[in-house]
N, C-alpha and C. Protein backbone atom coordinates (compact mmCIF):
# COMPACT_ATOMS: atom_id res chain seq x y z
N MET A 1 159.11 61.56 45.98
CA MET A 1 159.23 63.24 46.22
C MET A 1 158.58 63.20 47.61
N PRO A 2 159.18 64.03 48.21
CA PRO A 2 158.41 64.50 49.64
C PRO A 2 157.36 64.84 49.52
N ARG A 3 156.14 65.19 50.19
CA ARG A 3 154.87 65.49 50.49
C ARG A 3 155.09 66.91 51.15
N GLN A 4 154.50 67.85 50.44
CA GLN A 4 154.74 69.01 51.14
C GLN A 4 153.72 69.51 51.93
N ARG A 5 153.82 70.00 53.33
CA ARG A 5 152.94 70.22 54.68
C ARG A 5 152.55 71.45 54.50
N ARG A 6 151.35 71.51 54.64
CA ARG A 6 150.61 72.80 54.64
C ARG A 6 150.64 73.38 56.28
N PRO A 7 150.99 74.72 55.85
CA PRO A 7 151.00 75.88 56.79
C PRO A 7 150.20 75.85 57.81
N THR A 8 150.52 75.82 59.25
CA THR A 8 149.84 75.59 59.91
C THR A 8 148.71 77.11 60.25
N ARG A 9 147.32 76.72 60.33
CA ARG A 9 146.55 77.92 60.24
C ARG A 9 146.12 78.56 61.69
N GLY A 10 145.56 79.38 61.87
CA GLY A 10 145.51 79.73 63.46
C GLY A 10 144.03 80.47 63.40
N LEU A 11 143.45 81.24 64.47
CA LEU A 11 142.85 81.65 64.96
C LEU A 11 141.93 82.57 63.70
N SER A 12 142.88 83.25 63.05
CA SER A 12 142.87 84.76 62.31
C SER A 12 142.32 83.87 60.68
N HIS A 13 142.71 82.81 60.73
CA HIS A 13 141.65 81.99 59.08
C HIS A 13 140.62 81.91 59.52
N LEU A 14 139.87 81.42 60.77
CA LEU A 14 138.86 80.41 60.69
C LEU A 14 137.35 81.76 60.66
N ARG A 15 136.22 81.31 59.34
CA ARG A 15 135.68 81.98 58.94
C ARG A 15 134.68 82.07 59.49
N THR A 16 134.16 83.11 60.16
CA THR A 16 132.50 83.43 60.71
C THR A 16 131.91 84.66 60.33
N LEU A 17 130.73 84.47 60.91
CA LEU A 17 130.39 85.60 60.10
C LEU A 17 129.61 86.66 61.38
N SER A 18 130.60 86.86 61.47
CA SER A 18 131.12 88.39 62.72
C SER A 18 131.08 89.84 61.61
N ALA A 19 131.68 89.38 60.36
CA ALA A 19 131.79 90.86 59.89
C ALA A 19 130.39 91.18 59.45
N ARG A 20 129.77 89.98 59.26
CA ARG A 20 128.20 90.44 58.43
C ARG A 20 126.76 91.18 59.33
N SER A 21 127.48 91.32 60.55
CA SER A 21 126.51 91.65 61.94
C SER A 21 126.79 92.83 61.81
N GLU A 22 127.56 93.65 61.11
CA GLU A 22 128.22 95.00 60.93
C GLU A 22 127.06 96.16 60.20
N ALA A 23 127.11 95.13 58.93
CA ALA A 23 126.09 95.34 58.35
C ALA A 23 124.87 95.88 58.30
N PRO A 24 124.16 97.28 57.86
CA PRO A 24 122.95 97.20 58.08
C PRO A 24 121.79 96.32 57.78
N ILE A 25 120.76 95.85 59.25
CA ILE A 25 120.25 94.78 58.69
C ILE A 25 118.98 95.31 57.98
N SER A 26 118.25 94.67 57.27
CA SER A 26 117.23 94.94 56.14
C SER A 26 116.32 95.54 56.87
N ALA A 27 115.01 95.98 56.13
CA ALA A 27 114.17 97.18 56.70
C ALA A 27 113.10 96.26 57.01
N HIS A 28 112.60 94.84 56.40
CA HIS A 28 111.93 93.90 56.88
C HIS A 28 111.89 93.15 58.11
N LYS A 29 113.36 93.36 57.94
CA LYS A 29 114.07 92.29 59.00
C LYS A 29 114.08 93.77 60.49
N ALA A 30 114.48 94.74 60.52
CA ALA A 30 114.21 95.98 61.35
C ALA A 30 112.60 96.21 61.53
N TYR A 31 111.41 95.84 60.80
CA TYR A 31 110.51 96.16 61.86
C TYR A 31 109.50 94.50 61.97
N LEU A 32 110.12 93.40 61.97
CA LEU A 32 109.89 92.34 62.63
C LEU A 32 110.31 92.00 63.55
N ARG A 33 111.93 92.46 63.81
CA ARG A 33 112.43 92.89 65.37
C ARG A 33 111.77 93.74 66.45
N LEU A 34 111.03 94.98 65.56
CA LEU A 34 110.56 95.94 66.06
C LEU A 34 108.91 95.25 66.98
N SER A 35 108.32 94.43 66.01
CA SER A 35 107.18 93.99 66.16
C SER A 35 107.29 92.74 67.77
N PHE A 36 108.23 92.20 67.21
CA PHE A 36 108.03 91.55 68.23
C PHE A 36 108.59 91.44 69.36
N LEU A 37 109.74 92.97 69.39
CA LEU A 37 109.17 93.61 70.80
C LEU A 37 108.13 94.57 71.64
N GLU A 38 107.66 94.94 70.50
CA GLU A 38 106.05 95.52 71.03
C GLU A 38 105.23 93.95 71.62
N LEU A 39 105.26 93.11 71.15
CA LEU A 39 104.38 92.07 71.43
C LEU A 39 104.97 91.18 72.98
N GLU A 40 106.28 91.27 73.04
CA GLU A 40 106.90 90.90 74.23
C GLU A 40 106.90 92.39 75.34
N ARG A 41 106.71 93.65 75.15
CA ARG A 41 106.16 94.49 76.12
C ARG A 41 104.69 94.20 76.09
N ALA A 42 103.63 93.97 75.26
CA ALA A 42 102.54 93.66 76.03
C ALA A 42 102.20 92.84 76.63
N ARG A 43 103.07 91.20 76.49
CA ARG A 43 102.55 90.22 77.23
C ARG A 43 103.12 91.04 78.96
N ARG A 44 103.78 91.73 78.95
CA ARG A 44 105.34 91.96 80.00
C ARG A 44 104.11 93.11 81.01
N MET A 45 103.03 94.12 80.43
CA MET A 45 102.69 94.61 80.71
C MET A 45 101.10 93.93 81.47
N GLN A 46 100.90 93.02 80.74
CA GLN A 46 99.83 91.73 81.20
C GLN A 46 99.82 91.62 81.91
N GLU A 47 101.22 90.89 82.64
CA GLU A 47 101.64 89.98 83.31
C GLU A 47 101.72 91.38 84.96
N VAL A 48 102.26 92.27 84.51
CA VAL A 48 101.92 93.80 85.99
C VAL A 48 100.75 93.97 85.98
N ARG A 49 99.80 93.83 85.31
CA ARG A 49 98.22 94.12 85.32
C ARG A 49 97.79 92.85 85.96
N ALA A 50 98.37 91.81 85.76
CA ALA A 50 97.57 90.45 86.63
C ALA A 50 98.38 90.52 88.03
N CYS A 51 99.61 90.89 88.04
CA CYS A 51 99.66 90.87 89.89
C CYS A 51 99.85 91.84 90.56
N GLY A 52 99.28 93.22 89.83
CA GLY A 52 98.78 94.00 90.79
C GLY A 52 97.42 93.86 91.08
N ASP A 53 96.64 93.08 90.29
CA ASP A 53 95.26 92.52 90.30
C ASP A 53 95.64 91.05 91.81
N ARG A 54 96.71 90.98 91.55
CA ARG A 54 96.54 89.93 92.57
C ARG A 54 97.28 90.45 94.20
N CYS A 55 97.70 91.46 94.03
CA CYS A 55 98.10 92.12 95.14
C CYS A 55 96.85 92.99 95.35
N ASP A 56 96.53 93.47 94.80
CA ASP A 56 94.89 93.75 95.47
C ASP A 56 93.96 93.01 96.01
N ALA A 57 93.94 91.89 95.86
CA ALA A 57 93.08 90.51 95.75
C ALA A 57 93.89 90.49 97.74
N ILE A 58 95.02 90.24 97.33
CA ILE A 58 95.46 90.22 99.31
C ILE A 58 95.56 91.48 99.88
N ARG A 59 95.14 92.07 99.49
CA ARG A 59 95.38 93.51 100.40
C ARG A 59 93.98 93.33 100.66
N ASP A 60 92.99 93.41 99.93
CA ASP A 60 91.79 93.17 100.21
C ASP A 60 90.92 92.37 101.28
N ARG A 61 91.87 90.90 101.10
CA ARG A 61 92.12 90.04 102.08
C ARG A 61 92.34 90.13 103.06
N PHE A 62 93.68 90.67 103.35
CA PHE A 62 94.50 91.64 104.96
C PHE A 62 92.90 91.97 105.89
N GLY A 63 92.35 93.39 104.51
CA GLY A 63 91.41 93.91 105.65
C GLY A 63 90.55 92.88 105.89
N GLU A 64 90.06 91.65 105.32
CA GLU A 64 88.84 91.20 105.87
C GLU A 64 89.15 90.06 107.19
N ILE A 65 90.52 89.71 106.93
CA ILE A 65 91.73 88.80 108.08
C ILE A 65 91.21 90.29 109.37
N ASP A 66 91.62 91.27 109.19
CA ASP A 66 91.59 92.45 110.28
C ASP A 66 90.47 92.70 110.81
N ALA A 67 89.12 92.61 109.60
CA ALA A 67 88.10 92.78 110.61
C ALA A 67 87.26 91.63 110.89
N GLU A 68 87.79 90.61 110.45
CA GLU A 68 86.98 89.42 111.54
C GLU A 68 87.45 89.50 112.76
N VAL A 69 89.40 89.81 112.76
CA VAL A 69 89.93 89.33 114.25
C VAL A 69 89.81 90.74 115.11
N ALA A 70 89.20 91.74 114.37
CA ALA A 70 88.80 92.66 115.60
C ALA A 70 87.19 92.27 115.91
N ARG A 71 86.13 92.16 115.35
CA ARG A 71 85.23 91.53 115.85
C ARG A 71 84.81 90.06 116.71
N ILE A 72 85.60 89.54 116.30
CA ILE A 72 85.71 87.73 117.51
C ILE A 72 86.32 88.53 118.43
N LEU A 73 87.58 90.09 118.91
CA LEU A 73 88.09 90.07 120.05
C LEU A 73 86.85 90.62 121.02
N ALA A 74 86.08 91.79 119.91
CA ALA A 74 85.25 92.58 120.61
C ALA A 74 83.67 91.59 120.98
N ASN A 75 84.05 90.10 120.50
CA ASN A 75 82.89 89.83 121.09
C ASN A 75 83.18 89.20 121.96
N LEU A 76 84.76 88.80 122.36
CA LEU A 76 85.38 88.20 123.56
C LEU A 76 85.22 89.13 124.52
N ASN A 77 85.67 90.27 124.53
CA ASN A 77 85.57 91.17 125.72
C ASN A 77 84.23 91.28 126.27
N CYS A 78 83.28 91.66 125.54
CA CYS A 78 81.82 91.67 125.69
C CYS A 78 81.43 90.15 126.49
N ALA A 79 81.61 89.18 125.90
CA ALA A 79 81.00 87.88 126.22
C ALA A 79 81.65 87.01 127.74
N ALA A 80 82.93 87.15 127.34
CA ALA A 80 83.87 86.28 128.20
C ALA A 80 83.46 86.72 129.51
N ALA A 81 83.77 85.75 130.84
CA ALA A 81 83.58 85.81 131.39
C ALA A 81 85.17 86.62 132.25
N ARG A 82 85.39 86.80 133.50
CA ARG A 82 87.34 86.78 133.56
C ARG A 82 87.67 86.31 134.31
N ALA A 83 89.24 85.91 133.67
CA ALA A 83 89.77 84.95 134.55
C ALA A 83 90.25 84.52 135.65
N THR A 84 90.02 83.66 136.28
CA THR A 84 91.04 83.50 137.71
C THR A 84 91.96 82.99 137.62
N THR A 85 92.06 83.24 138.85
CA THR A 85 93.67 82.22 138.78
C THR A 85 93.92 80.97 139.44
N PRO A 86 93.96 80.02 138.84
CA PRO A 86 93.68 78.44 138.66
C PRO A 86 94.68 78.49 139.96
N GLU A 87 93.80 77.08 140.85
CA GLU A 87 93.91 76.46 142.09
C GLU A 87 95.35 75.67 141.68
N ALA A 88 96.10 75.49 142.91
CA ALA A 88 97.51 74.95 142.47
C ALA A 88 97.14 73.21 142.65
N ALA A 89 97.75 72.57 141.41
CA ALA A 89 97.63 71.61 140.87
C ALA A 89 97.47 70.55 142.17
N ARG A 90 96.76 69.51 142.86
CA ARG A 90 96.98 68.71 143.48
C ARG A 90 97.63 67.70 143.63
N ARG A 91 98.96 67.05 144.44
CA ARG A 91 100.12 65.85 143.81
C ARG A 91 99.01 64.52 143.54
N THR A 92 99.04 63.79 143.25
CA THR A 92 98.42 62.80 142.93
C THR A 92 99.62 61.55 142.95
N SER A 93 99.35 59.60 143.00
CA SER A 93 99.81 59.12 142.03
C SER A 93 99.06 58.67 140.97
N VAL A 94 98.32 59.05 140.35
CA VAL A 94 97.76 58.18 139.17
C VAL A 94 98.93 59.06 138.09
N GLY A 95 99.01 57.52 137.22
CA GLY A 95 99.46 58.76 136.07
C GLY A 95 101.44 57.75 136.61
N ARG A 96 101.42 58.01 137.71
CA ARG A 96 103.09 58.18 137.97
C ARG A 96 103.54 56.02 138.49
N ARG A 97 104.48 55.64 137.76
CA ARG A 97 105.00 54.15 138.11
C ARG A 97 106.29 54.59 139.15
N PRO A 98 106.34 52.99 140.07
CA PRO A 98 107.69 53.30 140.59
C PRO A 98 108.74 53.51 139.85
N ALA A 99 109.62 53.63 140.39
CA ALA A 99 111.06 54.29 139.69
C ALA A 99 111.74 52.85 139.51
N ALA A 100 111.40 51.59 140.66
CA ALA A 100 112.00 50.51 140.15
C ALA A 100 111.20 49.57 139.14
N ARG A 101 110.18 49.46 139.18
CA ARG A 101 109.51 48.76 137.85
C ARG A 101 110.21 49.24 136.24
N HIS A 102 110.07 48.45 135.71
CA HIS A 102 110.59 48.63 134.18
C HIS A 102 109.70 48.08 133.08
N PHE A 103 109.26 48.66 132.05
CA PHE A 103 108.00 48.08 131.15
C PHE A 103 108.76 46.93 130.82
N GLN A 104 107.60 45.83 131.12
CA GLN A 104 107.60 44.58 130.56
C GLN A 104 106.70 43.85 129.88
N PHE A 105 106.71 43.01 128.66
CA PHE A 105 106.03 42.46 127.97
C PHE A 105 105.03 41.18 128.94
N ALA A 106 104.34 40.95 128.77
CA ALA A 106 104.22 39.34 129.26
C ALA A 106 103.24 38.57 127.92
N TYR A 107 103.79 37.44 127.85
CA TYR A 107 103.54 36.83 126.66
C TYR A 107 102.59 35.05 127.28
């Protein structure tokens, strides 16, 4: 006796939990979800405050840097002598090698 074949099943025959998502969630799950969201909001606000504090510290440091640069420039303008034009450099043979010689090792 020939064995009967099962009909092929398609995508519509797959069992999923998608229908369950349309049902309203229970109250305790809703409150739990709300509490998780509030905790996340609190963590994010803490991050925002910490970031603001870091930005304020960086801005304060910028002010300190600008004040120090201004102080150094003021000291230089008062104490430094006027720059003079340098004399033309004299040509000497010091440090020059003749073009015909090459670098050699002596053993």
